Amino acid sequence: MKRLLAIALIPFALAAIIGTLVLYPWGHHQRTGADLGLGQYPVNGEVVAAGAGGCSEGDTSGACVQLQVRMQDGPLPGRTIQQVMPTDPGTPRFAVGDRVVLSYAGASPEEPSSYQVVDFQRGGGLLVLGLVFAAAVLVLGRWQGVAALAALVLSFVVLVGFVLPAILAGEDPLLVAVVGAGLIMFAVLYLTHGVSARTSTAVLGTLLSLALIGGLSALFAATTKLTGLDENTTSLIGALGTPIDARGLLLAGIVIGALGVLDDVTVTQTSAVYELRRANPAMGWRQLYRAGLRIGRDHVSSAVNTLVLAYAGASLPLLLAYALSGRRFDEIVSSQAVAQEVVRTLVGSIGLVAAVPITTLIAALVAGRDSGEGRARES
């Protein structure tokens, strides 16, 4: 059985490695904001004074907030400049001591109008949150938690070091996403759960379910005439000045987004079947399949609900805007921005539903012939 699993998985692992080497943009110079003529550079600063004032020289209406910002880096570190911010509902509140990020236009560093406050500095808070997350994983997972954190770092490296540069270099986004997802899947699952028939079962179930999601997403993106040209994608294409397959970019996001949830379902189903086998070694593969499927029904119902709520939460401002538009429900759902989220959610949910019987069947067949691993884990 282990040989059969190896025969089934090794070609796909080799394909992921070869695909990475072929699609990686060797020698390609990735243009930055300066190369693209955007001319915007981030400068860190700290608000040292804030108060109501006019929006222009001589204005005493108090309709704006006047900030004194001391720059921490950039062309003139230590220099304090004045920034005028409107007090409309879309402007955040600023207070003395706030650490902010200014956008520097790249010309006339002495001129305050060359700068604009665009965001807050969040590095410190995010670092603390990351440390708390890592500590929680290590306390519960111990050495397996260390492996899980290493796998998380590896996933980030693949996304930033391969997927993004390859897409920006003009490669097909869907093909890049499939290769990157395959690389992440093999590396992360084996690193986190070890090299075993149990892990190979989860990998095979994930691979088949991911292939189904990729095929369905391509089919229904074409059927529903999705273009992928939302506001952010349109701005990106305009800034790059080079053609990018917007629909392929949408499909790539669906594939990569579904991978994390699929890992959860396939690993859980495989572990459930193996634990059933260990609890009752007399169970045949049919009994293991039926029992594992009963567990999977509860799991997939909650996973699908989680997926829908996650997408709804991420799109909440968009949904609120459409709710105030006075348009009918069918008009809202069929619009580009909402329809692509509907396709993303439903295709991902179909893949999750299919992952349960696929992975459970493979695990039942493998576990019935792999009792040695169960005894090793029990000891």
Protein backbone atom coordinates (compact mmCIF):
# COMPACT_ATOMS: atom_id res chain seq x y z
CA MET A 1 0.00 0.00 0.00
CA LYS A 2 2.84 2.40 0.78
CA ARG A 3 4.38 1.62 -2.59
CA LEU A 4 1.07 2.32 -4.30
CA LEU A 5 0.81 5.67 -2.50
CA ALA A 6 4.37 6.52 -3.53
CA ILE A 7 3.64 5.59 -7.14
CA ALA A 8 0.56 7.83 -7.07
CA LEU A 9 2.22 10.84 -5.41
CA ILE A 10 5.83 10.95 -6.63
CA PRO A 11 4.93 12.09 -10.18
CA PHE A 12 2.90 14.99 -8.77
CA ALA A 13 5.70 15.96 -6.38
CA LEU A 14 8.18 15.96 -9.25
CA ALA A 15 5.75 17.98 -11.36
CA ALA A 16 5.49 20.60 -8.60
CA ILE A 17 9.28 20.86 -8.31
CA ILE A 18 9.85 20.98 -12.08
CA GLY A 19 7.00 23.48 -12.49
CA THR A 20 8.58 25.74 -9.88
CA LEU A 21 11.92 25.67 -11.67
CA VAL A 22 10.32 26.33 -15.07
CA LEU A 23 7.93 29.10 -13.96
CA TYR A 24 10.29 30.91 -11.62
CA PRO A 25 11.30 34.24 -13.23
CA TRP A 26 15.04 33.63 -13.39
CA GLY A 27 16.88 36.87 -14.13
CA HIS A 28 13.67 38.88 -14.33
CA HIS A 29 13.94 42.35 -12.82
CA GLN A 30 10.81 43.12 -10.86
CA ARG A 31 9.94 46.78 -11.28
CA THR A 32 9.31 48.77 -8.13
CA GLY A 33 7.11 51.81 -7.56
CA ALA A 34 9.94 54.09 -8.66
CA ASP A 35 10.40 52.11 -11.87
CA LEU A 36 6.69 52.37 -12.60
CA GLY A 37 6.68 56.10 -12.10
CA LEU A 38 4.47 55.93 -9.04
CA GLY A 39 6.94 58.06 -7.08
CA GLN A 40 5.56 57.22 -3.64
CA TYR A 41 7.86 56.29 -0.75
CA PRO A 42 6.79 55.44 2.80
CA VAL A 43 8.16 57.63 5.59
CA ASN A 44 7.58 56.86 9.27
CA GLY A 45 6.59 59.66 11.60
CA GLU A 46 5.08 60.53 14.98
CA VAL A 47 2.27 62.97 15.71
CA VAL A 48 3.59 65.56 18.18
CA ALA A 49 0.61 67.96 18.08
CA ALA A 50 -2.98 67.75 16.88
CA GLY A 51 -5.81 70.29 16.94
CA ALA A 52 -8.75 71.68 15.00
CA GLY A 53 -7.98 74.33 12.42
CA GLY A 54 -8.73 75.61 8.97
CA CYS A 55 -8.36 73.61 5.80
CA SER A 56 -6.29 76.30 4.08
CA GLU A 57 -4.28 79.38 4.93
CA GLY A 58 -6.54 82.07 6.38
CA ASP A 59 -9.41 79.63 6.99
CA THR A 60 -10.72 79.77 10.58
CA SER A 61 -13.68 77.41 10.19
CA GLY A 62 -12.05 74.57 12.16
CA ALA A 63 -13.31 72.05 9.60
CA CYS A 64 -9.96 70.24 9.44
CA VAL A 65 -7.41 68.74 11.81
CA GLN A 66 -3.92 70.19 11.74
CA LEU A 67 -1.19 67.72 12.67
CA GLN A 68 2.44 68.33 13.51
CA VAL A 69 4.34 65.21 12.46
CA ARG A 70 7.99 64.58 13.31
CA MET A 71 9.58 62.34 10.68
CA GLN A 72 11.53 59.36 11.99
CA ASP A 73 13.22 58.50 8.69
CA GLY A 74 13.03 59.53 5.05
CA PRO A 75 14.90 62.45 3.48
CA LEU A 76 14.73 64.68 6.58
CA PRO A 77 14.64 62.57 9.77
CA GLY A 78 13.85 64.62 12.85
CA ARG A 79 12.15 67.38 10.85
CA THR A 80 8.61 68.37 11.92
CA ILE A 81 6.09 69.18 9.20
CA GLN A 82 2.44 70.21 9.24
CA GLN A 83 -0.29 68.06 7.75
CA VAL A 84 -3.91 69.11 7.27
CA MET A 85 -6.53 66.36 7.41
CA PRO A 86 -10.28 66.77 6.74
CA THR A 87 -12.71 65.82 9.50
CA ASP A 88 -15.13 63.88 7.29
CA PRO A 89 -16.37 60.41 8.42
CA GLY A 90 -13.79 58.64 6.27
CA THR A 91 -10.82 60.21 8.08
CA PRO A 92 -9.39 58.37 11.11
CA ARG A 93 -8.86 60.17 14.42
CA PHE A 94 -5.31 61.18 15.31
CA ALA A 95 -3.84 61.92 18.72
CA VAL A 96 -0.48 63.03 20.07
CA GLY A 97 1.89 60.07 20.18
CA ASP A 98 0.35 58.20 17.24
CA ARG A 99 2.95 56.63 15.00
CA VAL A 100 1.93 57.20 11.39
CA VAL A 101 3.12 56.47 7.86
CA LEU A 102 3.45 59.30 5.35
CA SER A 103 3.58 58.94 1.59
CA TYR A 104 6.48 60.97 0.17
CA ALA A 105 6.17 62.07 -3.45
CA GLY A 106 9.93 62.05 -3.99
CA ALA A 107 10.41 65.75 -4.77
CA SER A 108 10.95 68.91 -2.68
CA PRO A 109 11.64 67.25 0.69
CA GLU A 110 11.42 70.65 2.41
CA GLU A 111 7.86 71.19 1.18
CA PRO A 112 5.12 69.78 3.50
CA SER A 113 2.83 69.24 0.50
CA SER A 114 5.23 66.54 -0.72
CA TYR A 115 4.03 64.37 2.17
CA GLN A 116 0.65 62.91 3.03
CA VAL A 117 -0.42 60.89 6.05
CA VAL A 118 -1.78 57.61 4.68
CA ASP A 119 -1.74 55.06 7.52
CA PHE A 120 -0.72 54.10 11.05
CA GLN A 121 2.38 52.12 12.00
CA ARG A 122 1.23 48.69 13.16
CA GLY A 123 4.47 46.71 13.30
CA GLY A 124 4.70 46.61 17.11
CA GLY A 125 1.17 45.35 17.68
CA LEU A 126 1.43 42.78 14.91
CA LEU A 127 4.72 41.52 16.33
CA VAL A 128 3.16 41.04 19.78
CA LEU A 129 0.18 39.23 18.25
CA GLY A 130 2.50 36.98 16.25
CA LEU A 131 4.49 36.08 19.37
CA VAL A 132 1.30 35.29 21.29
CA PHE A 133 0.12 33.09 18.40
CA ALA A 134 3.47 31.27 18.24
CA ALA A 135 3.45 30.73 22.02
CA ALA A 136 -0.08 29.29 21.90
CA VAL A 137 0.89 26.89 19.10
CA LEU A 138 4.05 25.79 20.94
CA VAL A 139 2.29 25.27 24.27
CA LEU A 140 -0.35 23.00 22.76
CA GLY A 141 1.57 21.43 19.89
CA ARG A 142 5.06 21.19 21.45
CA TRP A 143 7.44 19.74 18.84
CA GLN A 144 4.63 19.35 16.33
CA GLY A 145 3.83 23.00 16.98
CA VAL A 146 7.41 23.86 16.03
CA ALA A 147 6.92 21.94 12.79
CA ALA A 148 3.62 23.75 12.18
CA LEU A 149 5.26 27.15 12.59
CA ALA A 150 8.08 26.11 10.27
CA ALA A 151 5.47 25.01 7.73
CA LEU A 152 3.72 28.38 8.05
CA VAL A 153 6.98 30.18 7.32
CA LEU A 154 7.60 27.88 4.37
CA SER A 155 4.13 28.63 2.94
CA PHE A 156 4.84 32.35 3.22
CA VAL A 157 8.20 31.90 1.49
CA VAL A 158 6.59 30.04 -1.43
CA LEU A 159 3.88 32.68 -1.82
CA VAL A 160 6.24 35.67 -1.62
CA GLY A 161 9.29 34.09 -3.23
CA PHE A 162 7.63 32.19 -6.08
CA VAL A 163 3.90 32.79 -6.64
CA LEU A 164 3.92 36.60 -6.60
CA PRO A 165 7.12 37.11 -8.67
CA ALA A 166 6.04 34.54 -11.26
CA ILE A 167 2.62 36.17 -11.74
CA LEU A 168 4.16 39.65 -11.94
CA ALA A 169 6.62 38.34 -14.52
CA GLY A 170 3.69 37.46 -16.81
CA GLU A 171 3.25 33.73 -16.18
CA ASP A 172 -0.26 32.23 -16.20
CA PRO A 173 -1.67 32.94 -12.71
CA LEU A 174 -3.72 29.73 -12.49
CA LEU A 175 -0.78 27.54 -13.50
CA VAL A 176 1.49 29.33 -11.02
CA ALA A 177 -1.11 28.91 -8.26
CA VAL A 178 -1.50 25.18 -8.97
CA VAL A 179 2.26 24.63 -8.89
CA GLY A 180 2.68 26.78 -5.78
CA ALA A 181 -0.24 25.08 -4.01
CA GLY A 182 1.24 21.68 -4.84
CA LEU A 183 4.63 22.71 -3.48
CA ILE A 184 3.04 24.04 -0.29
CA MET A 185 0.87 20.95 0.10
CA PHE A 186 3.70 18.43 -0.13
CA ALA A 187 6.16 20.42 1.97
CA VAL A 188 3.75 21.53 4.68
CA LEU A 189 1.87 18.28 5.24
CA TYR A 190 4.98 16.10 5.37
CA LEU A 191 6.87 18.61 7.52
CA THR A 192 3.99 18.97 9.97
CA HIS A 193 2.76 15.37 10.17
CA GLY A 194 5.82 13.36 9.20
CA VAL A 195 6.47 10.98 6.30
CA SER A 196 3.97 8.14 6.69
CA ALA A 197 1.14 6.37 4.93
CA ARG A 198 -1.29 8.44 6.99
CA THR A 199 0.18 11.71 5.73
CA SER A 200 0.37 10.40 2.17
CA THR A 201 -3.33 9.57 2.37
CA ALA A 202 -4.15 13.14 3.39
CA VAL A 203 -1.90 14.49 0.62
CA LEU A 204 -3.63 12.36 -2.00
CA GLY A 205 -7.08 13.40 -0.78
CA THR A 206 -6.02 17.05 -0.82
CA LEU A 207 -4.57 16.71 -4.31
CA LEU A 208 -7.71 15.18 -5.79
CA SER A 209 -10.01 17.69 -4.07
CA LEU A 210 -7.82 20.60 -5.16
CA ALA A 211 -7.94 19.36 -8.76
CA LEU A 212 -11.74 19.28 -8.54
CA ILE A 213 -11.84 22.84 -7.19
CA GLY A 214 -9.52 24.09 -9.92
CA GLY A 215 -11.63 22.49 -12.64
CA LEU A 216 -14.94 23.72 -11.24
CA SER A 217 -13.65 27.25 -10.66
CA ALA A 218 -12.42 27.48 -14.26
CA LEU A 219 -15.71 26.09 -15.57
CA PHE A 220 -18.01 28.37 -13.61
CA ALA A 221 -15.83 31.45 -14.00
CA ALA A 222 -16.26 30.99 -17.75
CA THR A 223 -19.96 30.09 -17.45
CA THR A 224 -20.79 33.17 -15.36
CA LYS A 225 -18.55 35.42 -17.50
CA LEU A 226 -16.39 36.54 -14.58
CA THR A 227 -13.61 38.86 -15.69
CA GLY A 228 -11.76 39.27 -12.40
CA LEU A 229 -11.48 42.99 -13.10
CA ASP A 230 -12.38 44.40 -9.70
CA GLU A 231 -11.12 47.78 -8.54
CA ASN A 232 -7.84 46.52 -7.06
CA THR A 233 -6.99 44.33 -10.05
CA THR A 234 -7.76 47.13 -12.51
CA SER A 235 -5.50 49.51 -10.58
CA LEU A 236 -2.71 46.92 -10.52
CA ILE A 237 -2.88 46.30 -14.26
CA GLY A 238 -2.94 50.04 -14.93
CA ALA A 239 0.11 50.60 -12.72
CA LEU A 240 2.12 47.74 -14.20
CA GLY A 241 1.32 48.68 -17.77
CA THR A 242 1.60 45.01 -18.78
CA PRO A 243 -1.23 42.54 -19.42
CA ILE A 244 -2.18 40.19 -16.58
CA ASP A 245 -4.85 37.53 -16.93
CA ALA A 246 -7.38 38.95 -14.47
CA ARG A 247 -9.62 35.88 -14.60
CA GLY A 248 -6.60 33.65 -14.06
CA LEU A 249 -5.68 35.79 -11.06
CA LEU A 250 -9.17 35.23 -9.65
CA LEU A 251 -8.88 31.47 -10.18
CA ALA A 252 -5.44 31.47 -8.59
CA GLY A 253 -6.89 33.10 -5.49
CA ILE A 254 -9.62 30.45 -5.31
CA VAL A 255 -7.11 27.59 -5.52
CA ILE A 256 -4.72 28.99 -2.92
CA GLY A 257 -7.54 30.04 -0.60
CA ALA A 258 -9.11 26.57 -0.71
CA LEU A 259 -5.84 24.77 0.06
CA GLY A 260 -5.74 25.74 3.73
CA VAL A 261 -9.28 24.56 4.42
CA LEU A 262 -8.74 21.36 2.44
CA ASP A 263 -5.68 20.51 4.52
CA ASP A 264 -7.81 20.73 7.65
CA VAL A 265 -10.53 18.45 6.27
CA THR A 266 -8.27 15.80 4.75
CA VAL A 267 -5.90 15.55 7.72
CA THR A 268 -8.82 15.33 10.16
CA GLN A 269 -10.61 12.66 8.13
CA THR A 270 -7.46 10.60 7.76
CA SER A 271 -6.69 10.82 11.48
CA ALA A 272 -10.28 9.88 12.35
CA VAL A 273 -10.16 6.74 10.21
CA TYR A 274 -6.78 5.70 11.61
CA GLU A 275 -7.98 6.22 15.19
CA LEU A 276 -11.08 4.13 14.47
CA ARG A 277 -8.84 1.41 13.11
CA ARG A 278 -6.60 1.57 16.17
CA ALA A 279 -9.59 1.43 18.54
CA ASN A 280 -11.05 -1.58 16.75
CA PRO A 281 -8.52 -3.45 14.56
CA ALA A 282 -11.27 -5.86 13.47
CA MET A 283 -13.04 -3.16 11.44
CA GLY A 284 -12.89 -3.69 7.68
CA TRP A 285 -12.51 -0.92 5.15
CA ARG A 286 -16.27 -0.68 4.57
CA GLN A 287 -16.94 -0.21 8.27
CA LEU A 288 -14.10 2.32 8.51
CA TYR A 289 -15.50 4.20 5.55
CA ARG A 290 -19.04 4.37 6.94
CA ALA A 291 -17.86 5.43 10.41
CA GLY A 292 -15.43 7.98 9.02
CA LEU A 293 -18.12 9.38 6.72
CA ARG A 294 -20.42 9.95 9.70
CA ILE A 295 -17.65 11.98 11.35
CA GLY A 296 -17.00 13.80 8.11
CA ARG A 297 -20.61 14.92 7.73
CA ASP A 298 -20.39 16.87 11.00
CA HIS A 299 -17.01 18.25 10.05
CA VAL A 300 -17.91 19.39 6.56
CA SER A 301 -21.16 21.05 7.65
CA SER A 302 -19.27 23.29 10.08
CA ALA A 303 -16.39 23.84 7.62
CA VAL A 304 -18.73 25.01 4.86
CA ASN A 305 -20.45 27.40 7.25
CA THR A 306 -17.06 28.69 8.35
CA LEU A 307 -16.03 29.26 4.74
CA VAL A 308 -19.22 31.17 3.89
CA LEU A 309 -19.00 33.35 7.00
CA ALA A 310 -15.29 34.05 6.37
CA TYR A 311 -15.99 35.35 2.86
CA ALA A 312 -19.05 37.28 4.06
CA GLY A 313 -17.03 38.90 6.83
CA ALA A 314 -14.24 39.88 4.45
CA SER A 315 -16.79 41.40 2.05
CA LEU A 316 -18.95 43.08 4.71
CA PRO A 317 -18.28 46.70 3.60
CA LEU A 318 -19.14 45.71 0.03
CA LEU A 319 -22.36 44.02 1.15
CA LEU A 320 -23.33 47.08 3.20
CA ALA A 321 -22.79 49.32 0.18
CA TYR A 322 -24.98 47.12 -1.97
CA ALA A 323 -27.66 46.93 0.77
CA LEU A 324 -27.95 50.74 0.63
CA SER A 325 -28.06 50.85 -3.16
CA GLY A 326 -31.73 49.91 -3.42
CA ARG A 327 -31.00 47.22 -6.01
CA ARG A 328 -32.81 43.88 -6.12
CA PHE A 329 -31.20 40.78 -4.64
CA ASP A 330 -30.68 39.12 -8.02
CA GLU A 331 -29.00 42.27 -9.36
CA ILE A 332 -26.65 42.40 -6.38
CA VAL A 333 -25.69 38.72 -6.59
CA SER A 334 -25.05 38.87 -10.34
CA SER A 335 -22.74 41.89 -10.12
CA GLN A 336 -19.03 41.24 -10.77
CA ALA A 337 -17.79 41.95 -7.24
CA VAL A 338 -20.41 39.76 -5.51
CA ALA A 339 -20.64 37.03 -8.16
CA GLN A 340 -16.94 36.23 -7.93
CA GLU A 341 -17.26 35.80 -4.16
CA VAL A 342 -20.30 33.56 -4.69
CA VAL A 343 -18.36 31.41 -7.15
CA ARG A 344 -15.37 31.36 -4.81
CA THR A 345 -17.52 30.27 -1.86
CA LEU A 346 -19.65 27.67 -3.64
CA VAL A 347 -16.78 26.08 -5.57
CA GLY A 348 -14.70 25.90 -2.40
CA SER A 349 -17.62 24.37 -0.54
CA ILE A 350 -18.13 21.74 -3.25
CA GLY A 351 -14.46 20.86 -2.96
CA LEU A 352 -14.77 20.53 0.82
CA VAL A 353 -17.83 18.30 0.52
CA ALA A 354 -16.07 16.10 -2.04
CA ALA A 355 -12.90 15.92 0.06
CA VAL A 356 -14.72 14.02 2.81
CA PRO A 357 -15.78 10.88 0.88
CA ILE A 358 -12.63 10.96 -1.28
CA THR A 359 -10.21 11.16 1.63
CA THR A 360 -12.26 8.82 3.85
CA LEU A 361 -12.33 6.14 1.17
CA ILE A 362 -8.59 6.33 0.57
CA ALA A 363 -7.90 6.34 4.31
CA ALA A 364 -10.17 3.34 4.90
CA LEU A 365 -8.43 1.34 2.17
CA VAL A 366 -4.96 2.29 3.42
CA ALA A 367 -5.60 2.00 7.17
CA GLY A 368 -6.94 -1.53 6.79
CA ARG A 369 -3.56 -2.57 5.43
CA ASP A 370 -1.33 -0.34 7.56
CA SER A 371 -1.89 -1.61 11.10
CA GLY A 372 1.82 -1.38 11.86
CA GLU A 373 1.73 2.42 11.91
CA GLY A 374 -1.27 2.39 14.26
CA ARG A 375 0.57 0.15 16.73
CA ALA A 376 3.68 2.31 16.49
CA ARG A 377 1.71 5.44 17.26
CA GLU A 378 -0.11 3.73 20.13
CA SER A 379 3.15 2.67 21.74
